[in-house]
Protein backbone atom coordinates (compact mmCIF):
# COMPACT_ATOMS: atom_id res chain seq x y z
CA MET A 1 22.01 -37.13 28.19
CA ARG A 2 22.08 -33.82 26.31
CA GLU A 3 19.97 -33.20 23.18
CA ALA A 4 21.74 -32.73 19.87
CA TRP A 5 20.10 -30.23 17.46
CA ILE A 6 20.45 -29.92 13.70
CA ILE A 7 20.87 -26.16 13.09
CA ASP A 8 21.26 -26.32 9.29
CA VAL A 9 22.21 -28.43 6.47
CA ALA A 10 23.78 -27.27 3.22
CA ARG A 11 25.22 -28.82 0.18
CA SER A 12 26.47 -28.27 -3.36
CA PRO A 13 24.37 -29.33 -6.31
CA ARG A 14 25.28 -33.04 -7.53
CA GLY A 15 27.45 -32.60 -10.57
CA ILE A 16 28.15 -34.82 -13.55
CA PRO A 17 31.63 -36.38 -12.73
CA LYS A 18 33.00 -36.18 -16.22
CA GLU A 19 35.28 -33.57 -17.89
CA GLY A 20 33.48 -31.56 -20.42
CA LYS A 21 29.99 -32.45 -18.93
CA GLY A 22 30.10 -31.63 -15.21
CA SER A 23 30.28 -28.08 -13.92
CA LEU A 24 32.12 -29.00 -10.74
CA VAL A 25 34.86 -30.77 -12.62
CA GLY A 26 38.21 -29.23 -11.99
CA ILE A 27 37.35 -27.49 -8.74
CA HIS A 28 39.51 -28.82 -5.92
CA PRO A 29 37.64 -30.93 -3.42
CA GLN A 30 38.84 -28.89 -0.49
CA ARG A 31 37.63 -25.76 -2.27
CA LEU A 32 34.27 -27.34 -2.92
CA LEU A 33 33.77 -28.42 0.60
CA SER A 34 35.03 -25.13 2.03
CA GLN A 35 32.37 -23.24 0.16
CA ILE A 36 29.68 -25.32 1.99
CA LEU A 37 31.35 -24.75 5.28
CA SER A 38 31.51 -20.93 4.71
CA ALA A 39 27.90 -20.76 3.62
CA LEU A 40 26.80 -22.47 6.75
CA GLU A 41 28.89 -20.14 8.80
CA GLU A 42 27.52 -17.07 7.08
CA ARG A 43 23.83 -18.01 6.90
CA ASN A 44 23.74 -19.14 10.49
CA GLN A 45 26.05 -16.32 11.87
CA LEU A 46 28.26 -18.88 13.50
CA ASN A 47 31.44 -18.00 15.39
CA ASN A 48 33.80 -20.22 13.68
CA GLN A 49 36.04 -20.07 16.77
CA ASP A 50 33.46 -22.02 18.51
CA ILE A 51 33.31 -24.79 15.99
CA GLU A 52 35.38 -27.41 17.70
CA GLN A 53 35.49 -29.93 14.90
CA ALA A 54 34.76 -30.70 11.35
CA ILE A 55 33.88 -34.48 10.86
CA ILE A 56 33.74 -35.24 7.23
CA GLY A 57 32.90 -38.29 5.32
CA CYS A 58 35.01 -39.25 2.32
CA ASN A 59 34.96 -42.69 0.80
CA ASN A 60 37.98 -42.39 -1.53
CA GLN A 61 40.70 -40.64 0.56
CA GLN A 62 43.46 -40.37 -1.98
CA ALA A 63 45.01 -37.77 -4.31
CA GLU A 64 43.24 -34.42 -3.77
CA GLN A 65 40.86 -35.89 -1.30
CA GLY A 66 43.45 -37.26 0.92
CA GLY A 67 45.53 -35.55 3.68
CA SER A 68 42.71 -35.01 6.25
CA ILE A 69 40.51 -33.11 3.73
CA ALA A 70 38.25 -32.12 6.71
CA ARG A 71 41.03 -30.09 8.34
CA MET A 72 42.16 -28.70 5.01
CA ALA A 73 38.83 -27.63 3.82
CA ALA A 74 38.14 -26.01 7.40
CA LEU A 75 41.47 -24.00 6.91
CA ASP A 76 40.48 -23.08 3.48
CA ALA A 77 37.13 -21.70 4.95
CA GLY A 78 39.18 -19.58 7.52
CA TRP A 79 38.34 -21.95 10.46
CA TYR A 80 41.74 -21.78 11.99
CA GLU A 81 40.74 -23.16 15.46
CA THR A 82 38.62 -26.05 14.01
CA SER A 83 40.05 -29.56 14.25
CA GLY A 84 39.32 -31.95 11.22
CA SER A 85 38.69 -35.69 11.09
CA THR A 86 37.94 -37.69 7.89
CA VAL A 87 35.64 -40.75 7.99
CA ASP A 88 35.58 -43.80 5.58
CA HIS A 89 32.44 -45.77 6.14
CA PHE A 90 32.07 -46.60 2.38
CA CYS A 91 28.81 -45.01 1.19
CA GLY A 92 27.65 -44.47 4.72
CA SER A 93 30.73 -42.15 5.37
CA GLY A 94 28.62 -38.82 5.49
CA MET A 95 25.92 -40.35 7.82
CA ALA A 96 28.63 -41.97 9.91
CA ALA A 97 30.21 -38.53 10.44
CA SER A 98 26.95 -36.91 11.43
CA ILE A 99 26.40 -39.72 14.08
CA MET A 100 30.00 -39.14 15.45
CA ALA A 101 29.24 -35.41 15.66
CA ALA A 102 25.91 -35.87 17.39
CA THR A 103 27.42 -38.43 19.72
CA ALA A 104 30.18 -35.90 20.82
CA VAL A 105 27.36 -33.26 21.49
CA MET A 106 25.18 -35.60 23.32
CA ALA A 107 28.17 -36.81 25.46
CA ASP A 108 29.09 -33.30 26.45
CA VAL A 109 32.41 -33.49 24.72
CA GLN A 110 31.75 -30.70 22.25
CA ASP A 111 28.98 -28.00 21.78
CA LEU A 112 29.22 -27.14 18.15
CA VAL A 113 30.27 -29.54 15.32
CA VAL A 114 29.99 -29.51 11.70
CA SER A 115 29.61 -32.81 9.87
CA GLY A 116 29.01 -33.86 6.25
CA GLY A 117 31.00 -35.24 3.36
CA ILE A 118 32.86 -34.71 0.12
CA GLU A 119 33.17 -36.99 -2.94
CA MET A 120 34.46 -35.92 -6.38
CA PRO A 121 34.91 -39.05 -8.48
CA SER A 122 35.74 -36.80 -11.47
CA MET A 123 39.07 -36.18 -9.73
CA THR A 124 39.69 -39.32 -7.86
CA SER A 125 38.30 -42.06 -10.08
CA ALA A 126 40.63 -44.96 -9.16
CA TYR A 127 38.08 -46.96 -7.05
CA ARG A 128 39.06 -50.46 -6.09
CA LEU A 129 36.23 -52.84 -6.16
CA ASP A 130 37.78 -55.61 -4.09
CA THR A 131 36.87 -54.51 -0.57
CA ASP A 132 38.88 -57.20 1.04
CA ARG A 133 42.01 -55.79 -0.54
CA GLY A 134 43.49 -59.18 -1.19
CA ASN A 135 43.26 -60.41 2.32
CA MET A 136 42.81 -64.27 1.65
CA HIS A 137 42.01 -65.08 5.24
CA LEU A 138 39.02 -62.63 5.17
CA ARG A 139 38.09 -63.89 1.81
CA GLU A 140 37.70 -67.41 2.94
CA MET A 141 35.58 -66.19 5.78
CA HIS A 142 33.52 -63.83 3.87
CA PRO A 143 33.70 -63.95 0.02
CA ILE A 144 32.58 -60.48 -0.67
CA THR A 145 32.02 -59.79 -4.39
CA GLY A 146 31.07 -56.54 -6.18
CA VAL A 147 28.03 -54.56 -4.87
CA GLY A 148 26.33 -54.66 -8.23
CA ILE A 149 26.55 -58.45 -8.22
CA SER A 150 25.09 -58.42 -4.66
CA ALA A 151 22.16 -56.34 -5.94
CA ASP A 152 21.37 -58.85 -8.67
CA ILE A 153 21.72 -61.69 -6.01
CA ILE A 154 19.27 -59.97 -3.65
CA ALA A 155 16.85 -59.30 -6.45
CA THR A 156 16.93 -62.89 -7.45
CA GLU A 157 16.36 -64.27 -4.02
CA GLU A 158 13.57 -61.63 -3.19
CA GLY A 159 11.91 -62.18 -6.48
CA PHE A 160 12.13 -58.72 -7.81
CA SER A 161 11.97 -58.82 -11.65
CA ARG A 162 13.66 -56.57 -14.17
CA GLU A 163 10.32 -54.84 -14.63
CA ASP A 164 10.11 -54.13 -10.96
CA VAL A 165 13.47 -52.46 -10.67
CA ASP A 166 12.91 -50.55 -14.03
CA HIS A 167 9.53 -49.25 -12.82
CA TYR A 168 11.06 -48.08 -9.61
CA ALA A 169 13.94 -46.35 -11.39
CA ALA A 170 11.64 -44.62 -13.77
CA ASP A 171 9.55 -43.32 -10.83
CA SER A 172 12.76 -42.11 -9.22
CA GLN A 173 13.50 -40.05 -12.29
CA GLN A 174 9.99 -38.70 -12.40
CA ARG A 175 9.96 -37.59 -8.95
CA ALA A 176 13.42 -36.04 -9.06
CA CYS A 177 12.52 -34.09 -12.15
CA HIS A 178 9.40 -32.75 -10.53
CA ALA A 179 11.31 -31.71 -7.50
CA VAL A 180 14.00 -30.02 -9.41
CA GLU A 181 11.49 -28.11 -11.55
CA ASN A 182 9.53 -26.93 -8.60
CA GLY A 183 12.49 -25.87 -6.59
CA TYR A 184 12.08 -28.39 -3.74
CA PHE A 185 15.89 -28.61 -3.19
CA GLU A 186 16.67 -24.89 -3.24
CA LYS A 187 16.67 -24.34 0.59
CA SER A 188 19.71 -26.58 1.02
CA LEU A 189 21.48 -25.96 -2.34
CA ILE A 190 24.56 -23.66 -2.23
CA PRO A 191 25.72 -22.04 -5.61
CA ILE A 192 29.41 -23.11 -6.26
CA PHE A 193 31.99 -20.81 -7.72
CA ARG A 194 35.28 -21.35 -9.49
CA ASP A 195 38.43 -19.62 -8.20
CA ASP A 196 38.10 -16.81 -10.72
CA GLY A 197 34.71 -15.98 -9.16
CA SER A 198 32.59 -17.36 -11.96
CA LEU A 199 29.53 -19.38 -11.20
CA ALA A 200 30.09 -23.08 -11.65
CA THR A 201 26.52 -24.30 -11.04
CA ASP A 202 23.54 -23.74 -8.78
CA THR A 203 21.39 -26.68 -9.91
CA GLU A 204 21.36 -30.48 -10.03
CA GLU A 205 22.86 -32.00 -13.18
CA LEU A 206 22.19 -35.71 -13.27
CA HIS A 207 18.50 -36.33 -13.70
CA ARG A 208 17.05 -37.27 -16.96
CA PRO A 209 13.61 -35.97 -17.90
CA GLY A 210 11.63 -38.23 -20.10
CA THR A 211 13.05 -41.47 -18.59
CA THR A 212 10.43 -44.15 -18.75
CA ALA A 213 10.41 -47.90 -17.92
CA GLU A 214 10.20 -48.71 -21.57
CA VAL A 215 13.37 -46.81 -22.21
CA LEU A 216 15.18 -48.46 -19.22
CA ALA A 217 14.08 -51.93 -20.58
CA THR A 218 16.35 -51.40 -23.64
CA LEU A 219 19.55 -51.32 -21.54
CA GLU A 220 21.78 -54.33 -21.03
CA PRO A 221 22.37 -55.51 -17.49
CA SER A 222 25.58 -54.32 -16.20
CA PHE A 223 26.76 -56.88 -13.82
CA ARG A 224 26.55 -60.02 -15.84
CA ALA A 225 29.78 -59.23 -17.64
CA MET A 226 31.30 -58.16 -14.34
CA MET A 227 31.10 -61.93 -13.12
CA ASP A 228 34.06 -62.57 -15.45
CA TYR A 229 36.19 -59.53 -14.38
CA PRO A 230 39.32 -60.42 -12.47
CA MET A 231 39.36 -59.68 -8.81
CA ASP A 232 42.93 -61.19 -8.56
CA GLU A 233 45.04 -63.40 -10.62
CA HIS A 234 43.27 -66.39 -9.47
CA HIS A 235 39.58 -65.30 -8.96
CA SER A 236 36.90 -63.46 -10.97
CA PHE A 237 34.06 -61.54 -9.13
CA GLY A 238 31.85 -64.37 -10.27
CA ASP A 239 34.14 -66.91 -8.64
CA ILE A 240 33.90 -65.05 -5.35
CA ALA A 241 30.03 -64.86 -5.59
CA ARG A 242 29.98 -68.66 -6.28
CA MET A 243 31.73 -69.33 -3.09
CA LYS A 244 28.67 -68.17 -1.20
CA TRP A 245 25.97 -69.09 -3.71
CA PRO A 246 27.28 -72.09 -5.66
CA ASN A 247 23.84 -73.10 -7.13
CA LEU A 248 22.13 -69.63 -7.56
CA ASP A 249 21.10 -68.94 -11.11
CA ILE A 250 21.48 -65.10 -10.77
CA ASP A 251 19.05 -62.91 -12.69
CA HIS A 252 20.95 -59.94 -13.66
CA VAL A 253 18.36 -57.08 -13.55
CA HIS A 254 20.53 -54.01 -12.53
CA HIS A 255 22.05 -51.62 -15.19
CA ALA A 256 23.19 -47.99 -15.40
CA GLY A 257 19.54 -46.77 -15.42
CA ASN A 258 18.36 -48.48 -12.22
CA SER A 259 21.57 -48.16 -10.16
CA SER A 260 22.97 -45.11 -8.50
CA VAL A 261 25.48 -43.03 -10.62
CA GLY A 262 28.47 -41.25 -9.11
CA ALA A 263 28.34 -37.49 -8.45
CA ASP A 264 30.59 -34.53 -7.60
CA CYS A 265 29.15 -33.10 -4.40
CA ALA A 266 29.97 -31.69 -0.86
CA SER A 267 27.51 -31.50 2.07
CA GLY A 268 27.59 -29.99 5.58
CA VAL A 269 25.43 -30.34 8.70
CA VAL A 270 25.63 -27.99 11.72
CA ILE A 271 25.01 -29.93 14.96
CA ALA A 272 24.94 -28.03 18.36
CA SER A 273 23.88 -28.88 21.81
CA SER A 274 20.65 -27.40 22.98
CA GLU A 275 22.45 -25.39 25.69
CA TYR A 276 24.81 -23.84 23.09
CA ALA A 277 22.12 -23.01 20.57
CA LYS A 278 19.98 -21.38 23.15
CA ALA A 279 22.94 -19.29 24.58
CA HIS A 280 23.89 -18.12 21.09
CA GLY A 281 20.56 -17.56 19.57
CA LEU A 282 20.71 -20.45 17.10
CA LYS A 283 17.36 -21.72 15.98
CA PRO A 284 17.31 -25.47 15.45
CA ARG A 285 15.58 -26.92 12.43
CA ALA A 286 15.45 -30.48 13.93
CA LYS A 287 16.19 -32.61 17.00
CA ILE A 288 18.16 -35.88 16.54
CA VAL A 289 15.86 -38.55 18.11
CA SER A 290 17.78 -41.70 17.43
CA MET A 291 21.01 -42.98 15.70
CA ALA A 292 22.16 -46.40 14.84
CA HIS A 293 24.75 -48.54 13.14
CA ALA A 294 23.78 -51.87 11.76
CA ALA A 295 26.00 -54.60 10.26
CA GLY A 296 25.22 -58.18 8.96
CA SER A 297 26.21 -60.30 6.07
CA PRO A 298 29.01 -58.70 4.21
CA GLU A 299 28.54 -61.02 1.27
CA TYR A 300 25.01 -59.42 0.66
CA ASN A 301 26.60 -55.97 1.20
CA LEU A 302 23.29 -54.13 0.74
CA ASN A 303 20.67 -55.70 3.17
CA GLU A 304 21.15 -53.75 6.32
CA PRO A 305 19.05 -50.60 6.03
CA CYS A 306 16.21 -52.69 7.43
CA ALA A 307 18.11 -53.73 10.51
CA SER A 308 19.31 -50.15 10.98
CA ALA A 309 15.63 -48.89 10.78
CA ARG A 310 14.44 -51.44 13.19
CA LYS A 311 17.30 -50.27 15.83
CA LEU A 312 16.45 -46.64 15.27
CA LEU A 313 12.76 -47.19 15.91
CA ASP A 314 13.50 -49.50 19.02
CA ARG A 315 15.73 -46.89 20.54
CA ALA A 316 13.21 -44.14 20.00
CA GLY A 317 10.40 -46.16 21.32
CA MET A 318 8.60 -45.73 18.05
CA ALA A 319 6.86 -47.77 15.27
CA ILE A 320 6.93 -47.53 11.57
CA GLY A 321 3.60 -45.61 11.53
CA ASP A 322 5.27 -42.87 13.50
CA ILE A 323 7.60 -41.89 10.70
CA ASP A 324 6.17 -39.33 8.27
CA LEU A 325 8.88 -39.62 5.57
CA PHE A 326 11.70 -42.02 4.78
CA GLU A 327 15.00 -41.53 2.88
CA VAL A 328 16.68 -44.81 1.86
CA ASN A 329 19.60 -44.40 -0.50
CA GLU A 330 19.01 -45.83 -3.87
CA ALA A 331 22.31 -47.48 -4.31
CA PHE A 332 20.36 -49.99 -6.48
CA ALA A 333 16.72 -50.27 -7.04
CA VAL A 334 16.55 -53.42 -5.06
CA VAL A 335 17.57 -51.74 -1.82
CA PRO A 336 14.44 -49.41 -1.43
CA LEU A 337 12.28 -52.11 -2.84
CA ARG A 338 13.41 -54.58 -0.18
CA PHE A 339 13.12 -51.90 2.51
CA MET A 340 9.47 -51.20 1.67
CA ARG A 341 8.47 -54.89 1.43
CA HIS A 342 10.24 -56.00 4.75
CA LEU A 343 9.17 -53.05 6.69
CA ASP A 344 5.77 -52.49 5.13
CA VAL A 345 6.49 -48.81 4.08
CA PRO A 346 4.30 -47.23 1.52
CA HIS A 347 6.12 -45.85 -1.58
CA ASP A 348 4.42 -42.46 -1.24
CA GLN A 349 6.47 -41.91 2.01
CA LEU A 350 9.68 -43.10 0.76
CA ASN A 351 12.24 -41.14 -1.47
CA VAL A 352 9.37 -38.80 -2.40
CA ASN A 353 11.74 -36.60 -4.45
CA GLY A 354 13.67 -39.32 -6.09
CA GLY A 355 16.95 -40.41 -5.02
CA ALA A 356 20.52 -41.56 -6.18
CA ILE A 357 19.31 -43.34 -9.30
CA ALA A 358 18.19 -40.14 -10.74
CA LEU A 359 20.18 -37.48 -9.01
CA GLY A 360 23.52 -39.11 -8.11
CA HIS A 361 25.33 -40.83 -5.18
CA PRO A 362 28.35 -38.92 -4.10
CA THR A 363 29.34 -41.64 -1.75
CA GLY A 364 31.10 -39.63 0.99
CA ALA A 365 28.69 -36.74 0.85
CA THR A 366 25.45 -38.71 0.45
CA GLY A 367 24.63 -38.97 4.20
CA GLY A 368 24.48 -35.24 4.46
CA VAL A 369 22.65 -34.68 1.23
CA LEU A 370 19.91 -37.08 2.34
CA LEU A 371 19.57 -35.28 5.82
CA GLY A 372 18.99 -31.96 3.95
CA VAL A 373 16.50 -33.61 1.50
CA LEU A 374 14.59 -35.17 4.28
CA LEU A 375 14.51 -31.97 6.49
CA ASP A 376 13.75 -29.66 3.72
CA GLU A 377 10.68 -32.05 2.60
CA LEU A 378 9.45 -32.29 6.17
CA GLU A 379 9.26 -28.53 6.37
CA ARG A 380 7.75 -28.09 3.00
CA ARG A 381 4.79 -30.61 3.87
CA ASP A 382 4.69 -29.33 7.44
CA LEU A 383 5.36 -32.91 8.78
CA SER A 384 7.28 -33.85 11.90
CA THR A 385 9.45 -36.89 11.88
CA GLY A 386 11.84 -38.76 9.27
CA LEU A 387 14.12 -41.59 9.08
CA VAL A 388 17.13 -41.91 6.91
CA THR A 389 19.32 -44.83 6.41
CA MET A 390 21.61 -46.18 3.77
CA CYS A 391 23.48 -49.39 2.80
CA ALA A 392 27.32 -49.33 2.86
CA ALA A 393 29.53 -51.98 1.36
CA GLY A 394 30.64 -54.83 3.64
CA GLY A 395 27.15 -55.23 5.05
CA MET A 396 26.68 -51.99 7.07
CA ALA A 397 23.94 -49.34 7.31
CA PRO A 398 24.09 -46.22 9.41
CA GLY A 399 20.77 -44.33 10.18
CA MET A 400 19.12 -41.50 12.02
CA ILE A 401 15.69 -40.40 13.05
CA ILE A 402 15.12 -36.57 13.28
CA GLU A 403 12.10 -34.61 14.48
CA ARG A 404 11.53 -31.08 13.56
CA THR A 405 11.61 -28.66 16.35
């Protein structure tokens, strides 16, 4: 099988998805993504006629993000001969897109592919929380409640306290602020411009300096009230949870400060075969060593990053100790806490520059964001190997191991 090389990764800053506060608000999602594609083309001197496909993750494919945004953004970037496919894998959409791109390269189907993702909740805010979409047959098989309630259920069963999740979240903020202040993200960050040519933003917008565990302790739990929200005319989210856990006294520990926050963002990853890269003078930044999709209990929603990591390591013939750095998406604080506990991963190797709790989670784009964060930090520390994985609603977790070349 051929090798798939990561030539480059780029992304926009993560913007506050609120009008009057966020710098990316009002930029069309196709325009935001096309700026990332154009930057990747320019800084790697790519021949866009050779880019066979853009495979783009997008969780909320409606309104301005609908209509094969992958193809539309490619056209907006001037990539006339590039096909476009859009992937919905919930929060794992961008990672799933990169796995698809690398698979096509390894299988000798394509030589040069750009993957990544786009999400602008400021423009397409109508998320539906009922993942079964009213399918009563599925609901009877698998009563899937809201992911925030699942996070509290996992924390309750695992014994993670409010203090545990708040301390983790405060640490994420401190790490993120340190990384931003010291320019650790700058290699992958692309300045974004409005259509009139003015600069929209060139820096992250969501981190909150000065956040402490004591400050977080003052916030009310977010998902206790959600238990009473109607999921349909007959059931609340709590009713659905009690179908699976009828006797569990849920300790509601998650809130806005220790859960991920939405963000406007686009990301891109250039993936090429080793043969194409050598023939066209492209210098790889990393080799893709292993890829995996894991799926398990949809009721828990968030538990599969551990299974994903185990698959990745098994396929690569590696052990946890062979990995230098880990990126595990901080959908909720309990997700990385559980990952570290079950796989015996030290915190000083995981999410070392903070994560989505501090910096935002642009669902469809996050996979590409995390690949860039991981690769940049491996290079900055002169380390070799990194593992990235993330939970996705419905009990899924895509992942990848990369190795610097």
